[in-house]
């Protein structure tokens, strides 16, 4: 398995059989190394409806015939754009042919802006747990710190956690570092920072604050270095 980071909150999981993209915001993402015109995927996971997370989902899904897995209202919106979807609810899990997906709660908002001044409600925001090939990856989506992260950590052996550190819209470095203590991942990767001025952060500050896990600060295109079993 290869797990790579591609700027903002874009994560790619490459298993032996599937390419899985999470929150593929590419066009308009000055931090990414990807080109939306040639990205392909078998599966796209969406944490919530904001445009900087839905991103290029429709284009990629149509070109690749990818399955889009998302919270219910967001899945319905994606289906209205002509892509294949699997709708899920917060706290629900489903076993797919590539592995298990479970959506967790997140404290944020979720809407899709169709034009200036007009937004569509896209249900509850979420984090997502992906378990495949013996590894569990947690992508927190956009979220504030919340106490039930301890439940997520207690009930899952998380190999890699992707946590937002940008502050302003999500957790900042201090709260994200505390989240690591609750989640107890083996490895944590900071995401959702430096894409826009309001979320400018130094990821090395976050790294200095974290005592309970290995922090890997990745540039776009870098992969997580997993320990060997």
C-alpha atoms as a PDB file:
ATOM      1  CA  UNK A   1       0.000   0.000   0.000  1.00  0.00           C
ATOM      2  CA  UNK A   2       1.132   3.518  -0.813  1.00  0.00           C
ATOM      3  CA  UNK A   3      -0.442   6.533   0.918  1.00  0.00           C
ATOM      4  CA  UNK A   4       0.443   9.912  -0.541  1.00  0.00           C
ATOM      5  CA  UNK A   5      -0.410  13.544   0.158  1.00  0.00           C
ATOM      6  CA  UNK A   6      -1.165  16.052  -2.593  1.00  0.00           C
ATOM      7  CA  UNK A   7      -1.686  19.427  -0.928  1.00  0.00           C
ATOM      8  CA  UNK A   8      -4.533  20.944   1.088  1.00  0.00           C
ATOM      9  CA  UNK A   9      -6.567  17.862   2.140  1.00  0.00           C
ATOM     10  CA  UNK A  10      -5.987  15.632  -0.894  1.00  0.00           C
ATOM     11  CA  UNK A  11      -4.884  12.108  -0.032  1.00  0.00           C
ATOM     12  CA  UNK A  12      -4.393   9.123  -2.340  1.00  0.00           C
ATOM     13  CA  UNK A  13      -4.411   5.531  -1.127  1.00  0.00           C
ATOM     14  CA  UNK A  14      -3.012   3.039  -3.620  1.00  0.00           C
ATOM     15  CA  UNK A  15      -3.788  -0.562  -2.733  1.00  0.00           C
ATOM     16  CA  UNK A  16      -2.850  -3.597  -4.791  1.00  0.00           C
ATOM     17  CA  UNK A  17      -6.126  -3.291  -6.685  1.00  0.00           C
ATOM     18  CA  UNK A  18      -7.600   0.199  -6.233  1.00  0.00           C
ATOM     19  CA  UNK A  19      -6.728   3.878  -6.398  1.00  0.00           C
ATOM     20  CA  UNK A  20      -8.669   5.787  -3.730  1.00  0.00           C
ATOM     21  CA  UNK A  21      -8.774   9.590  -3.637  1.00  0.00           C
ATOM     22  CA  UNK A  22      -9.959  11.586  -0.642  1.00  0.00           C
ATOM     23  CA  UNK A  23     -11.237  15.156  -1.137  1.00  0.00           C
ATOM     24  CA  UNK A  24      -9.688  15.716  -4.602  1.00  0.00           C
ATOM     25  CA  UNK A  25      -9.490  19.513  -4.709  1.00  0.00           C
ATOM     26  CA  UNK A  26      -6.995  20.060  -7.545  1.00  0.00           C
ATOM     27  CA  UNK A  27      -7.994  23.005  -9.772  1.00  0.00           C
ATOM     28  CA  UNK A  28      -7.502  26.116  -7.649  1.00  0.00           C
ATOM     29  CA  UNK A  29      -5.222  24.290  -5.220  1.00  0.00           C
ATOM     30  CA  UNK A  30      -1.864  26.011  -5.410  1.00  0.00           C
ATOM     31  CA  UNK A  31      -0.332  23.398  -3.091  1.00  0.00           C
ATOM     32  CA  UNK A  32      -0.955  20.344  -5.265  1.00  0.00           C
ATOM     33  CA  UNK A  33       1.302  18.457  -7.648  1.00  0.00           C
ATOM     34  CA  UNK A  34      -1.644  16.885  -9.506  1.00  0.00           C
ATOM     35  CA  UNK A  35      -3.283  17.787 -12.819  1.00  0.00           C
ATOM     36  CA  UNK A  36      -7.048  17.285 -12.705  1.00  0.00           C
ATOM     37  CA  UNK A  37      -7.161  16.524 -16.430  1.00  0.00           C
ATOM     38  CA  UNK A  38      -5.234  13.267 -16.070  1.00  0.00           C
ATOM     39  CA  UNK A  39      -5.963  12.083 -12.519  1.00  0.00           C
ATOM     40  CA  UNK A  40      -7.790   8.758 -12.368  1.00  0.00           C
ATOM     41  CA  UNK A  41      -9.367   6.846  -9.495  1.00  0.00           C
ATOM     42  CA  UNK A  42     -11.456   3.776  -8.773  1.00  0.00           C
ATOM     43  CA  UNK A  43     -12.977   5.314  -5.645  1.00  0.00           C
ATOM     44  CA  UNK A  44     -13.413   8.879  -4.390  1.00  0.00           C
ATOM     45  CA  UNK A  45     -14.201   9.542  -0.730  1.00  0.00           C
ATOM     46  CA  UNK A  46     -15.647  12.912   0.258  1.00  0.00           C
ATOM     47  CA  UNK A  47     -15.700  14.203   3.820  1.00  0.00           C
ATOM     48  CA  UNK A  48     -18.038  17.164   3.240  1.00  0.00           C
ATOM     49  CA  UNK A  49     -19.463  19.467   0.600  1.00  0.00           C
ATOM     50  CA  UNK A  50     -17.194  22.499   0.650  1.00  0.00           C
ATOM     51  CA  UNK A  51     -15.786  23.294  -2.772  1.00  0.00           C
ATOM     52  CA  UNK A  52     -12.194  22.994  -1.564  1.00  0.00           C
ATOM     53  CA  UNK A  53     -12.885  19.330  -0.753  1.00  0.00           C
ATOM     54  CA  UNK A  54     -15.349  18.211  -3.444  1.00  0.00           C
ATOM     55  CA  UNK A  55     -13.032  19.897  -5.912  1.00  0.00           C
ATOM     56  CA  UNK A  56     -12.744  17.984  -9.197  1.00  0.00           C
ATOM     57  CA  UNK A  57     -14.744  14.948  -8.097  1.00  0.00           C
ATOM     58  CA  UNK A  58     -17.319  15.015 -10.908  1.00  0.00           C
ATOM     59  CA  UNK A  59     -14.754  15.346 -13.685  1.00  0.00           C
ATOM     60  CA  UNK A  60     -12.513  12.613 -12.289  1.00  0.00           C
ATOM     61  CA  UNK A  61     -15.393  10.260 -11.483  1.00  0.00           C
ATOM     62  CA  UNK A  62     -16.948  10.569 -14.946  1.00  0.00           C
ATOM     63  CA  UNK A  63     -13.643  10.039 -16.741  1.00  0.00           C
ATOM     64  CA  UNK A  64     -12.602   7.116 -14.515  1.00  0.00           C
ATOM     65  CA  UNK A  65     -16.036   5.594 -13.868  1.00  0.00           C
ATOM     66  CA  UNK A  66     -15.131   5.940 -10.190  1.00  0.00           C
ATOM     67  CA  UNK A  67     -17.478   5.239  -7.305  1.00  0.00           C
ATOM     68  CA  UNK A  68     -18.057   8.297  -5.107  1.00  0.00           C
ATOM     69  CA  UNK A  69     -18.632   7.475  -1.436  1.00  0.00           C
ATOM     70  CA  UNK A  70     -19.980  10.356   0.634  1.00  0.00           C
ATOM     71  CA  UNK A  71     -22.423  11.364   3.371  1.00  0.00           C
ATOM     72  CA  UNK A  72     -26.013  10.978   2.178  1.00  0.00           C
ATOM     73  CA  UNK A  73     -26.956  14.489   1.054  1.00  0.00           C
ATOM     74  CA  UNK A  74     -23.599  15.061  -0.604  1.00  0.00           C
ATOM     75  CA  UNK A  75     -23.868  11.695  -2.370  1.00  0.00           C
ATOM     76  CA  UNK A  76     -27.264  12.736  -3.711  1.00  0.00           C
ATOM     77  CA  UNK A  77     -25.777  15.955  -5.071  1.00  0.00           C
ATOM     78  CA  UNK A  78     -22.971  14.043  -6.772  1.00  0.00           C
ATOM     79  CA  UNK A  79     -25.482  11.570  -8.233  1.00  0.00           C
ATOM     80  CA  UNK A  80     -27.417  14.496  -9.716  1.00  0.00           C
ATOM     81  CA  UNK A  81     -24.248  15.312 -11.651  1.00  0.00           C
ATOM     82  CA  UNK A  82     -24.261  11.866 -13.223  1.00  0.00           C
ATOM     83  CA  UNK A  83     -21.682   9.936 -11.210  1.00  0.00           C
ATOM     84  CA  UNK A  84     -21.980   6.585  -9.432  1.00  0.00           C
ATOM     85  CA  UNK A  85     -22.416   6.981  -5.695  1.00  0.00           C
ATOM     86  CA  UNK A  86     -22.676   5.055  -2.472  1.00  0.00           C
ATOM     87  CA  UNK A  87     -24.357   7.120   0.245  1.00  0.00           C
ATOM     88  CA  UNK A  88     -23.477   6.602   3.910  1.00  0.00           C
ATOM     89  CA  UNK A  89     -24.327   8.051   7.304  1.00  0.00           C
ATOM     90  CA  UNK A  90     -22.188   9.209  10.203  1.00  0.00           C
ATOM     91  CA  UNK A  91     -21.211   6.212  12.320  1.00  0.00           C
ATOM     92  CA  UNK A  92     -22.052   3.756   9.565  1.00  0.00           C
ATOM     93  CA  UNK A  93     -19.563   1.345   8.013  1.00  0.00           C
ATOM     94  CA  UNK A  94     -19.598  -0.701   4.812  1.00  0.00           C
ATOM     95  CA  UNK A  95     -17.327  -3.420   3.434  1.00  0.00           C
ATOM     96  CA  UNK A  96     -16.340  -2.703  -0.164  1.00  0.00           C
ATOM     97  CA  UNK A  97     -14.193  -4.897  -2.391  1.00  0.00           C
ATOM     98  CA  UNK A  98     -11.160  -2.704  -1.614  1.00  0.00           C
ATOM     99  CA  UNK A  99     -11.702  -2.521   2.156  1.00  0.00           C
ATOM    100  CA  UNK A 100     -13.899  -1.070   4.882  1.00  0.00           C
ATOM    101  CA  UNK A 101     -15.105   2.532   5.052  1.00  0.00           C
ATOM    102  CA  UNK A 102     -16.605   4.144   8.132  1.00  0.00           C
ATOM    103  CA  UNK A 103     -17.657   7.774   8.476  1.00  0.00           C
ATOM    104  CA  UNK A 104     -17.051   9.481  11.802  1.00  0.00           C
ATOM    105  CA  UNK A 105     -18.406  12.722  13.119  1.00  0.00           C
ATOM    106  CA  UNK A 106     -16.639  16.013  12.501  1.00  0.00           C
ATOM    107  CA  UNK A 107     -17.440  19.454  13.864  1.00  0.00           C
ATOM    108  CA  UNK A 108     -17.587  21.829  10.934  1.00  0.00           C
ATOM    109  CA  UNK A 109     -20.184  22.821   8.308  1.00  0.00           C
ATOM    110  CA  UNK A 110     -21.023  21.375   4.903  1.00  0.00           C
ATOM    111  CA  UNK A 111     -22.434  23.104   1.842  1.00  0.00           C
ATOM    112  CA  UNK A 112     -21.583  23.316  -1.849  1.00  0.00           C
ATOM    113  CA  UNK A 113     -21.436  26.740  -3.475  1.00  0.00           C
ATOM    114  CA  UNK A 114     -22.930  26.682  -6.965  1.00  0.00           C
ATOM    115  CA  UNK A 115     -22.421  30.394  -7.565  1.00  0.00           C
ATOM    116  CA  UNK A 116     -21.692  33.464  -5.472  1.00  0.00           C
ATOM    117  CA  UNK A 117     -24.399  33.832  -2.861  1.00  0.00           C
ATOM    118  CA  UNK A 118     -25.966  30.426  -3.554  1.00  0.00           C
ATOM    119  CA  UNK A 119     -25.067  27.288  -1.641  1.00  0.00           C
ATOM    120  CA  UNK A 120     -26.613  23.829  -1.388  1.00  0.00           C
ATOM    121  CA  UNK A 121     -26.774  22.098   2.015  1.00  0.00           C
ATOM    122  CA  UNK A 122     -24.823  18.842   1.846  1.00  0.00           C
ATOM    123  CA  UNK A 123     -25.588  17.197   5.166  1.00  0.00           C
ATOM    124  CA  UNK A 124     -23.310  16.482   8.098  1.00  0.00           C
ATOM    125  CA  UNK A 125     -19.560  16.905   7.704  1.00  0.00           C
ATOM    126  CA  UNK A 126     -17.511  13.809   8.434  1.00  0.00           C
ATOM    127  CA  UNK A 127     -14.168  12.239   8.997  1.00  0.00           C
ATOM    128  CA  UNK A 128     -13.481   8.876   7.410  1.00  0.00           C
ATOM    129  CA  UNK A 129     -11.753   5.661   8.457  1.00  0.00           C
ATOM    130  CA  UNK A 130     -10.440   3.426   5.681  1.00  0.00           C
ATOM    131  CA  UNK A 131      -9.220  -0.060   6.537  1.00  0.00           C
ATOM    132  CA  UNK A 132      -7.503  -1.994   3.758  1.00  0.00           C
ATOM    133  CA  UNK A 133      -4.658  -4.484   3.482  1.00  0.00           C
ATOM    134  CA  UNK A 134      -4.236  -4.560   7.240  1.00  0.00           C
ATOM    135  CA  UNK A 135      -3.850  -0.781   7.655  1.00  0.00           C
ATOM    136  CA  UNK A 136      -6.276   1.800   9.045  1.00  0.00           C
ATOM    137  CA  UNK A 137      -6.140   5.373   7.767  1.00  0.00           C
ATOM    138  CA  UNK A 138      -8.094   8.182   9.442  1.00  0.00           C
ATOM    139  CA  UNK A 139      -8.775  11.364   7.481  1.00  0.00           C
ATOM    140  CA  UNK A 140     -10.408  13.832   9.854  1.00  0.00           C
ATOM    141  CA  UNK A 141     -11.790  16.098   7.118  1.00  0.00           C
ATOM    142  CA  UNK A 142     -12.332  19.631   8.338  1.00  0.00           C
ATOM    143  CA  UNK A 143     -13.024  19.601  12.046  1.00  0.00           C
ATOM    144  CA  UNK A 144     -12.607  21.253  15.387  1.00  0.00           C
ATOM    145  CA  UNK A 145     -11.158  19.305  18.279  1.00  0.00           C
ATOM    146  CA  UNK A 146     -13.823  17.184  19.985  1.00  0.00           C
ATOM    147  CA  UNK A 147     -13.728  14.799  22.925  1.00  0.00           C
ATOM    148  CA  UNK A 148     -15.114  11.793  21.080  1.00  0.00           C
ATOM    149  CA  UNK A 149     -11.869  11.568  19.144  1.00  0.00           C
ATOM    150  CA  UNK A 150     -10.889   9.475  22.141  1.00  0.00           C
ATOM    151  CA  UNK A 151     -13.582   6.949  21.178  1.00  0.00           C
ATOM    152  CA  UNK A 152     -12.233   6.856  17.639  1.00  0.00           C
ATOM    153  CA  UNK A 153      -8.757   6.204  19.009  1.00  0.00           C
ATOM    154  CA  UNK A 154      -9.907   3.641  21.563  1.00  0.00           C
ATOM    155  CA  UNK A 155     -11.927   1.644  19.039  1.00  0.00           C
ATOM    156  CA  UNK A 156      -9.510   1.724  16.104  1.00  0.00           C
ATOM    157  CA  UNK A 157      -5.827   0.962  15.747  1.00  0.00           C
ATOM    158  CA  UNK A 158      -4.967   3.907  13.517  1.00  0.00           C
ATOM    159  CA  UNK A 159      -1.799   3.544  11.484  1.00  0.00           C
ATOM    160  CA  UNK A 160      -1.924   6.983   9.844  1.00  0.00           C
ATOM    161  CA  UNK A 161      -4.025  10.021  10.773  1.00  0.00           C
ATOM    162  CA  UNK A 162      -4.405  13.059   8.523  1.00  0.00           C
ATOM    163  CA  UNK A 163      -5.350  16.051  10.687  1.00  0.00           C
ATOM    164  CA  UNK A 164      -6.088  19.673   9.737  1.00  0.00           C
ATOM    165  CA  UNK A 165      -3.875  22.264  11.416  1.00  0.00           C
ATOM    166  CA  UNK A 166      -4.811  25.457   9.558  1.00  0.00           C
ATOM    167  CA  UNK A 167      -6.807  27.069  12.365  1.00  0.00           C
ATOM    168  CA  UNK A 168      -9.480  29.691  11.545  1.00  0.00           C
ATOM    169  CA  UNK A 169     -11.809  27.121   9.903  1.00  0.00           C
ATOM    170  CA  UNK A 170     -10.536  23.977  11.683  1.00  0.00           C
ATOM    171  CA  UNK A 171      -8.248  22.902  14.486  1.00  0.00           C
ATOM    172  CA  UNK A 172      -5.000  24.814  14.819  1.00  0.00           C
ATOM    173  CA  UNK A 173      -1.657  23.226  15.714  1.00  0.00           C
ATOM    174  CA  UNK A 174      -2.286  23.165  19.467  1.00  0.00           C
ATOM    175  CA  UNK A 175      -5.705  21.527  19.246  1.00  0.00           C
ATOM    176  CA  UNK A 176      -4.519  19.119  16.559  1.00  0.00           C
ATOM    177  CA  UNK A 177      -1.611  18.079  18.775  1.00  0.00           C
ATOM    178  CA  UNK A 178      -4.085  17.337  21.578  1.00  0.00           C
ATOM    179  CA  UNK A 179      -6.204  15.357  19.086  1.00  0.00           C
ATOM    180  CA  UNK A 180      -3.184  13.129  18.472  1.00  0.00           C
ATOM    181  CA  UNK A 181      -3.186  12.207  22.169  1.00  0.00           C
ATOM    182  CA  UNK A 182      -6.839  11.156  21.885  1.00  0.00           C
ATOM    183  CA  UNK A 183      -6.541   9.300  18.575  1.00  0.00           C
ATOM    184  CA  UNK A 184      -3.251   7.494  19.315  1.00  0.00           C
ATOM    185  CA  UNK A 185      -2.147   6.954  15.712  1.00  0.00           C
ATOM    186  CA  UNK A 186       1.243   5.518  14.879  1.00  0.00           C
ATOM    187  CA  UNK A 187       1.881   8.308  12.335  1.00  0.00           C
ATOM    188  CA  UNK A 188       0.221  11.702  11.902  1.00  0.00           C
ATOM    189  CA  UNK A 189       0.366  13.958   8.840  1.00  0.00           C
ATOM    190  CA  UNK A 190      -0.721  17.635   9.020  1.00  0.00           C
ATOM    191  CA  UNK A 191      -3.102  18.796   6.270  1.00  0.00           C
ATOM    192  CA  UNK A 192      -5.337  21.780   5.395  1.00  0.00           C
ATOM    193  CA  UNK A 193      -2.799  24.561   5.881  1.00  0.00           C
ATOM    194  CA  UNK A 194      -1.030  27.221   3.761  1.00  0.00           C
ATOM    195  CA  UNK A 195      -3.446  26.915   0.822  1.00  0.00           C
ATOM    196  CA  UNK A 196      -5.063  30.282   1.588  1.00  0.00           C
ATOM    197  CA  UNK A 197      -3.903  33.207   3.765  1.00  0.00           C
ATOM    198  CA  UNK A 198      -6.354  32.550   6.649  1.00  0.00           C
ATOM    199  CA  UNK A 199      -4.916  29.055   7.190  1.00  0.00           C
ATOM    200  CA  UNK A 200      -1.212  29.885   7.020  1.00  0.00           C
ATOM    201  CA  UNK A 201       0.685  27.740   9.531  1.00  0.00           C
ATOM    202  CA  UNK A 202       4.137  26.327  10.177  1.00  0.00           C
ATOM    203  CA  UNK A 203       3.758  22.517  10.232  1.00  0.00           C
ATOM    204  CA  UNK A 204       7.017  22.205  12.148  1.00  0.00           C
ATOM    205  CA  UNK A 205       5.359  24.001  15.069  1.00  0.00           C
ATOM    206  CA  UNK A 206       2.755  21.235  15.068  1.00  0.00           C
ATOM    207  CA  UNK A 207       5.530  18.644  14.878  1.00  0.00           C
ATOM    208  CA  UNK A 208       7.219  20.139  17.939  1.00  0.00           C
ATOM    209  CA  UNK A 209       3.966  20.002  19.908  1.00  0.00           C
ATOM    210  CA  UNK A 210       3.222  16.331  19.185  1.00  0.00           C
ATOM    211  CA  UNK A 211       4.685  13.897  21.688  1.00  0.00           C
ATOM    212  CA  UNK A 212       2.388  10.894  21.218  1.00  0.00           C
ATOM    213  CA  UNK A 213       3.078   9.893  17.592  1.00  0.00           C
ATOM    214  CA  UNK A 214       5.534  10.167  14.742  1.00  0.00           C
ATOM    215  CA  UNK A 215       4.853  13.311  12.693  1.00  0.00           C
ATOM    216  CA  UNK A 216       5.595  13.227   8.975  1.00  0.00           C
ATOM    217  CA  UNK A 217       5.398  16.652   7.310  1.00  0.00           C
ATOM    218  CA  UNK A 218       4.868  15.918   3.630  1.00  0.00           C
ATOM    219  CA  UNK A 219       5.253  18.023   0.524  1.00  0.00           C
ATOM    220  CA  UNK A 220       2.745  17.478  -2.276  1.00  0.00           C
ATOM    221  CA  UNK A 221       3.494  14.149  -3.929  1.00  0.00           C
ATOM    222  CA  UNK A 222       5.306  12.669  -0.923  1.00  0.00           C
ATOM    223  CA  UNK A 223       4.241   9.336   0.523  1.00  0.00           C
ATOM    224  CA  UNK A 224       3.842   8.259   4.122  1.00  0.00           C
ATOM    225  CA  UNK A 225       6.668   6.045   5.252  1.00  0.00           C
ATOM    226  CA  UNK A 226       4.980   3.118   6.948  1.00  0.00           C
ATOM    227  CA  UNK A 227       6.853   0.904   9.356  1.00  0.00           C
ATOM    228  CA  UNK A 228       7.246  -2.681   8.215  1.00  0.00           C
ATOM    229  CA  UNK A 229       5.055  -5.299   9.899  1.00  0.00           C
END
